[in-house]
Amino acid sequence: MNRVVIESADTLHGQLQRGLGRGARRAADHKGAGDLVFDCIRRDPRWDRQVEARGLYYARLVVDLELPAAPIGEFLLEPSGGDEWRGRLALEVLTELVRLSRREAAAALRTCAEEGELWFEAVDALIGLGDPALAEGLDELVVSRCDEPDLDWLITDPDNPVLQQWARRRPQIAAALRRRREGTAGAGKARPAWEEDGGDRTARSDSELLDLARRRDDDGAVAAIFELGRRRTPALLDLAEELLPQRHGRWEGALCRALREYGSQALPRARAWARAHTGCAEIALCILAQHGTRQDIPILMAELEAAVARRSWGAAAGPVEGLGRLRAGEAVPLLKRIWTESAYSYLRPRVLVALTRTAPHTAESYAVEALWDCEDDTRRVAASAAPFTDETRLRLHRLRSDPAEDRQVRAAAAERLML
């Protein structure tokens, strides 16, 4: 878990750490903002580094504040000290800077590829940019350092112009491209899990499938759970009560996924699970968030309040979505607090959707700010929800025309500007 101290959301530093749009808008008028941006890039303040976005957000700040790319490249050449995440965000920022026409960032990526600990990731980034000129000559480094599994991991897009150029002069890379094409061609022909296990589960009775599901020892058990879910067999609810409290990782996930297909049919049991706080509480909240009615608002509110009190931002996602779907006006003060305080930027698109549904007028100022947010989905929602002003119109034009911007955000901005 991230150990970086997250500063107060009242400060510019804290806002930049969270990737908030208000931080991006304030930075130009704040002396020393550049140092804060570099600090965020070096120390990676993301609460969940696997899903949260910051690369484009900080790259845009580097451009807007006219900051040099060289310090980011120099940071990448420093020893990692065993921290597997150190430097990943800096690589993302440099990659986005190239997309924003800061070509000197490509030189920093090349230096990292040639000299840095994250050389493999830097090569991958340069390949992803799709410009053979930026990666010229790196094919020699790749074939000298990569064995066959490394090449297979690195070469994911056979149509990439960088890889196609390299393949013309490197037999190893050409072979990896062939393997990738052959693998892609056969990917759609995978046999269902029950066939791999030796039998068609659709021909089994419910009781036979339940027996198979209780084995918890092979792919056949997972396939049996999915088949029971497809049938919406009531007995699967009993099986969930039996197995979920035991916390059997893979099968727990399969049960949760299968039960989501039950929709409102699972509501009575989900309500009982939520009240009892058993091992089924997590899937109960998911069901209530997706399919609950207004009678479930108190449960969702209580869970959201508890998650915020614990600063358990991931646990807040389901209740936020459910309360927004139900247009629960009583959730608005808490939603506003989450927007400002949460260190989990991945939560903000859900908060913005919930605000626009529960309090459209209140949501307007958040939607304006969200046009500068770090998360693609937040900007996409904001492009449709922000009120038209001279400022927001200019921002929408920039989002529509920015080649580094997410495709769906560009489309949402273009559609809004046509209205």
Foldseek 3Di string as FASTA:
>chain_A
DQPDDQDALVDLLNCLLLQFLVSLVCLLVDPPSVVSLVVCQQRVSFPDVVPFFDQLLSLVSCVVNVNDLVVLLVSQADDPPPDPCGSVSSLSNLLLNVLQVPVVSLVSLVCCLVHGPCVLVSLLSQLVVLDLVSCPPCLVVPVVPDDLVSLLVSDQDLPRNNLVVSVVPDVSSVVSSVVNVVCVVCVVVDDDLQVVVPDDLLPDDLVVLLVLLVVLPGSSNLVSLLSCLVVVPPVLLVVCLVPQLVCPPPSVVSSLVSVLSNAPVCQVVLVVCCVVVGSCVLSSLQNCLVHNAPVCLVSLVVQLVVCVVVLVVVSNQSSLSSCLVRLPLVCVVVLVVCCSGRSHSVSVLSSLSSCCRNPLVVSQVSLQSQCSGRDLSSVLVSLQRHDDDPVVLVSLVCLLPRSSHDPSSNVSSVVSNVD
